[in-house]
C-alpha atoms as a PDB file:
ATOM      1  CA  MET A   1       6.150  12.893   7.570  1.00  0.00           C
ATOM      2  CA  THR A   2       2.929  14.334   8.957  1.00  0.00           C
ATOM      3  CA  ALA A   3       0.443  12.600  11.153  1.00  0.00           C
ATOM      4  CA  LEU A   4      -1.864  10.018   9.461  1.00  0.00           C
ATOM      5  CA  LYS A   5      -5.552  11.752   8.924  1.00  0.00           C
ATOM      6  CA  ILE A   6      -8.386   9.418   8.427  1.00  0.00           C
ATOM      7  CA  ASP A   7     -11.850  10.728   7.220  1.00  0.00           C
ATOM      8  CA  LEU A   8     -14.688   8.311   7.222  1.00  0.00           C
ATOM      9  CA  VAL A   9     -16.852   8.622   4.157  1.00  0.00           C
ATOM     10  CA  GLY A  10     -19.795   6.579   3.278  1.00  0.00           C
ATOM     11  CA  ASP A  11     -20.302   2.975   4.274  1.00  0.00           C
ATOM     12  CA  GLY A  12     -16.968   1.227   4.915  1.00  0.00           C
ATOM     13  CA  ALA A  13     -14.861   3.786   3.098  1.00  0.00           C
ATOM     14  CA  ALA A  14     -12.257   6.077   4.382  1.00  0.00           C
ATOM     15  CA  ILE A  15      -9.745   8.996   2.924  1.00  0.00           C
ATOM     16  CA  VAL A  16      -6.376   8.488   4.589  1.00  0.00           C
ATOM     17  CA  THR A  17      -4.094  11.624   4.090  1.00  0.00           C
ATOM     18  CA  ARG A  18      -0.486  11.790   4.944  1.00  0.00           C
ATOM     19  CA  HIS A  19       2.201  14.291   3.985  1.00  0.00           C
ATOM     20  CA  PHE A  20       5.914  13.276   3.150  1.00  0.00           C
ATOM     21  CA  ALA A  21       8.939  15.184   3.135  1.00  0.00           C
ATOM     22  CA  ALA A  22       9.722  13.328  -0.206  1.00  0.00           C
ATOM     23  CA  SER A  23       8.929  14.102  -3.880  1.00  0.00           C
ATOM     24  CA  PRO A  24       6.068  12.554  -5.698  1.00  0.00           C
ATOM     25  CA  GLU A  25       8.514  10.255  -7.682  1.00  0.00           C
ATOM     26  CA  GLN A  26      10.054   8.852  -4.301  1.00  0.00           C
ATOM     27  CA  VAL A  27       6.470   8.331  -2.894  1.00  0.00           C
ATOM     28  CA  PHE A  28       5.409   6.819  -5.936  1.00  0.00           C
ATOM     29  CA  ARG A  29       8.438   4.409  -5.983  1.00  0.00           C
ATOM     30  CA  ALA A  30       7.756   3.391  -2.369  1.00  0.00           C
ATOM     31  CA  HIS A  31       4.522   2.147  -3.393  1.00  0.00           C
ATOM     32  CA  VAL A  32       5.053   0.277  -6.657  1.00  0.00           C
ATOM     33  CA  GLU A  33       8.753  -1.034  -6.473  1.00  0.00           C
ATOM     34  CA  ALA A  34       9.183  -4.256  -4.416  1.00  0.00           C
ATOM     35  CA  GLU A  35      12.420  -3.292  -2.871  1.00  0.00           C
ATOM     36  CA  TYR A  36      10.921  -0.357  -1.361  1.00  0.00           C
ATOM     37  CA  ILE A  37       7.594  -1.897  -0.273  1.00  0.00           C
ATOM     38  CA  ARG A  38       9.496  -4.213   1.757  1.00  0.00           C
ATOM     39  CA  GLN A  39      11.019  -1.585   3.782  1.00  0.00           C
ATOM     40  CA  TRP A  40       7.711  -0.052   4.865  1.00  0.00           C
ATOM     41  CA  MET A  41       5.310  -3.358   4.869  1.00  0.00           C
ATOM     42  CA  GLY A  42       7.768  -5.939   6.086  1.00  0.00           C
ATOM     43  CA  GLY A  43       8.712  -4.712   9.500  1.00  0.00           C
ATOM     44  CA  MET A  44       6.161  -5.811  11.730  1.00  0.00           C
ATOM     45  CA  GLU A  45       7.597  -7.456  14.739  1.00  0.00           C
ATOM     46  CA  GLY A  46       7.491 -11.157  14.926  1.00  0.00           C
ATOM     47  CA  TRP A  47       6.486 -11.499  11.253  1.00  0.00           C
ATOM     48  CA  ASP A  48       8.510 -12.125   8.210  1.00  0.00           C
ATOM     49  CA  MET A  49       7.673 -10.838   4.641  1.00  0.00           C
ATOM     50  CA  THR A  50       7.978 -14.033   2.735  1.00  0.00           C
ATOM     51  CA  HIS A  51       7.003 -12.561  -0.681  1.00  0.00           C
ATOM     52  CA  CYS A  52       6.647  -9.263  -2.507  1.00  0.00           C
ATOM     53  CA  GLU A  53       5.778  -9.064  -5.894  1.00  0.00           C
ATOM     54  CA  SER A  54       4.451  -5.869  -7.647  1.00  0.00           C
ATOM     55  CA  ASP A  55       3.968  -5.569 -11.432  1.00  0.00           C
ATOM     56  CA  ALA A  56       2.979  -1.867 -11.419  1.00  0.00           C
ATOM     57  CA  ARG A  57       1.006  -1.342 -14.694  1.00  0.00           C
ATOM     58  CA  ALA A  58      -2.743  -1.549 -15.534  1.00  0.00           C
ATOM     59  CA  GLY A  59      -3.835  -5.193 -15.214  1.00  0.00           C
ATOM     60  CA  GLY A  60      -0.706  -6.042 -13.385  1.00  0.00           C
ATOM     61  CA  VAL A  61      -0.673  -7.865 -10.047  1.00  0.00           C
ATOM     62  CA  LEU A  62       0.643  -7.393  -6.591  1.00  0.00           C
ATOM     63  CA  ARG A  63       1.190 -10.134  -4.025  1.00  0.00           C
ATOM     64  CA  TYR A  64       2.647  -9.840  -0.505  1.00  0.00           C
ATOM     65  CA  GLY A  65       3.029 -12.409   1.933  1.00  0.00           C
ATOM     66  CA  TRP A  66       4.006 -12.982   5.667  1.00  0.00           C
ATOM     67  CA  ALA A  67       4.756 -15.637   8.155  1.00  0.00           C
ATOM     68  CA  GLY A  68       4.277 -14.998  11.682  1.00  0.00           C
ATOM     69  CA  PRO A  69       4.296 -16.640  15.241  1.00  0.00           C
ATOM     70  CA  ASP A  70       2.772 -20.002  15.618  1.00  0.00           C
ATOM     71  CA  GLY A  71       2.235 -20.804  12.053  1.00  0.00           C
ATOM     72  CA  MET A  72       0.248 -17.819  11.359  1.00  0.00           C
ATOM     73  CA  SER A  73       0.282 -16.197   7.737  1.00  0.00           C
ATOM     74  CA  PHE A  74      -1.505 -13.868   5.527  1.00  0.00           C
ATOM     75  CA  GLU A  75      -1.323 -12.597   2.085  1.00  0.00           C
ATOM     76  CA  ILE A  76      -2.312  -9.400   0.188  1.00  0.00           C
ATOM     77  CA  THR A  77      -3.164  -9.871  -3.521  1.00  0.00           C
ATOM     78  CA  GLY A  78      -4.641  -7.504  -5.916  1.00  0.00           C
ATOM     79  CA  GLU A  79      -4.462  -5.916  -9.310  1.00  0.00           C
ATOM     80  CA  TYR A  80      -3.393  -2.489 -10.394  1.00  0.00           C
ATOM     81  CA  GLU A  81      -6.099  -0.643 -12.261  1.00  0.00           C
ATOM     82  CA  VAL A  82      -4.586   2.729 -12.870  1.00  0.00           C
ATOM     83  CA  VAL A  83      -0.874   3.463 -12.878  1.00  0.00           C
ATOM     84  CA  LYS A  84      -0.087   7.091 -13.643  1.00  0.00           C
ATOM     85  CA  PRO A  85       3.837   7.674 -12.743  1.00  0.00           C
ATOM     86  CA  TYR A  86       4.243  10.098  -9.966  1.00  0.00           C
ATOM     87  CA  SER A  87       0.657  11.118  -9.934  1.00  0.00           C
ATOM     88  CA  GLU A  88      -1.898   8.295  -9.279  1.00  0.00           C
ATOM     89  CA  ILE A  89      -2.216   4.361  -8.359  1.00  0.00           C
ATOM     90  CA  ALA A  90      -5.413   2.772  -8.196  1.00  0.00           C
ATOM     91  CA  MET A  91      -5.872  -0.797  -7.197  1.00  0.00           C
ATOM     92  CA  SER A  92      -8.183  -3.418  -5.951  1.00  0.00           C
ATOM     93  CA  ASN A  93      -6.656  -5.818  -3.287  1.00  0.00           C
ATOM     94  CA  GLY A  94      -7.869  -8.074  -0.605  1.00  0.00           C
ATOM     95  CA  CYS A  95      -6.057  -9.667   2.538  1.00  0.00           C
ATOM     96  CA  THR A  96      -6.423 -13.509   3.039  1.00  0.00           C
ATOM     97  CA  SER A  97      -5.506 -15.019   6.385  1.00  0.00           C
ATOM     98  CA  GLN A  98      -6.580 -18.137   8.270  1.00  0.00           C
ATOM     99  CA  ARG A  99      -9.328 -16.255   9.697  1.00  0.00           C
ATOM    100  CA  ARG A 100     -11.248 -14.525   6.783  1.00  0.00           C
ATOM    101  CA  PRO A 101     -10.827 -13.094   3.396  1.00  0.00           C
ATOM    102  CA  GLN A 102     -11.613  -9.390   2.855  1.00  0.00           C
ATOM    103  CA  THR A 103     -11.550  -7.210  -0.210  1.00  0.00           C
ATOM    104  CA  THR A 104     -10.728  -3.577  -0.386  1.00  0.00           C
ATOM    105  CA  ALA A 105     -10.044  -1.037  -2.997  1.00  0.00           C
ATOM    106  CA  ALA A 106      -7.411   1.704  -2.904  1.00  0.00           C
ATOM    107  CA  ILE A 107      -6.367   4.755  -4.811  1.00  0.00           C
ATOM    108  CA  ARG A 108      -3.214   6.679  -4.129  1.00  0.00           C
ATOM    109  CA  ARG A 109      -2.888  10.155  -5.429  1.00  0.00           C
ATOM    110  CA  LEU A 110       0.443  11.838  -5.257  1.00  0.00           C
ATOM    111  CA  LYS A 111       0.241  15.565  -5.181  1.00  0.00           C
ATOM    112  CA  PRO A 112       3.324  17.812  -4.498  1.00  0.00           C
ATOM    113  CA  LYS A 113       2.901  20.740  -1.944  1.00  0.00           C
ATOM    114  CA  LYS A 114       4.513  24.005  -2.387  1.00  0.00           C
ATOM    115  CA  ALA A 115       5.707  24.077   1.364  1.00  0.00           C
ATOM    116  CA  ALA A 116       6.123  21.270   3.811  1.00  0.00           C
ATOM    117  CA  PRO A 117       3.696  21.649   6.772  1.00  0.00           C
ATOM    118  CA  PHE A 118       6.180  21.183   9.310  1.00  0.00           C
END
């Protein structure tokens, strides 16, 4: 896996790029299958991932939640807009916590590289 690259574009938008030593199929599954989402999103120290639901199809919902120290909690909920296996995932989602709600949109494009940049 390469370092995370973040390019700010427009007002409140960013393009985040990272290369993985994995096939597009593996990366796709890691972003849509609850079993794998739990492995990379559930590991914050002091926090437990209480639920992880992913219905990866256009119109399907996603819902992830965490409980942390001192009774703190937060949840990410959203809807898949585009799901093209092994190439593109577009969704809108938001994070709700005791502090404030926030809405974001995300598009993940999976592109195989001919050679790893290692």
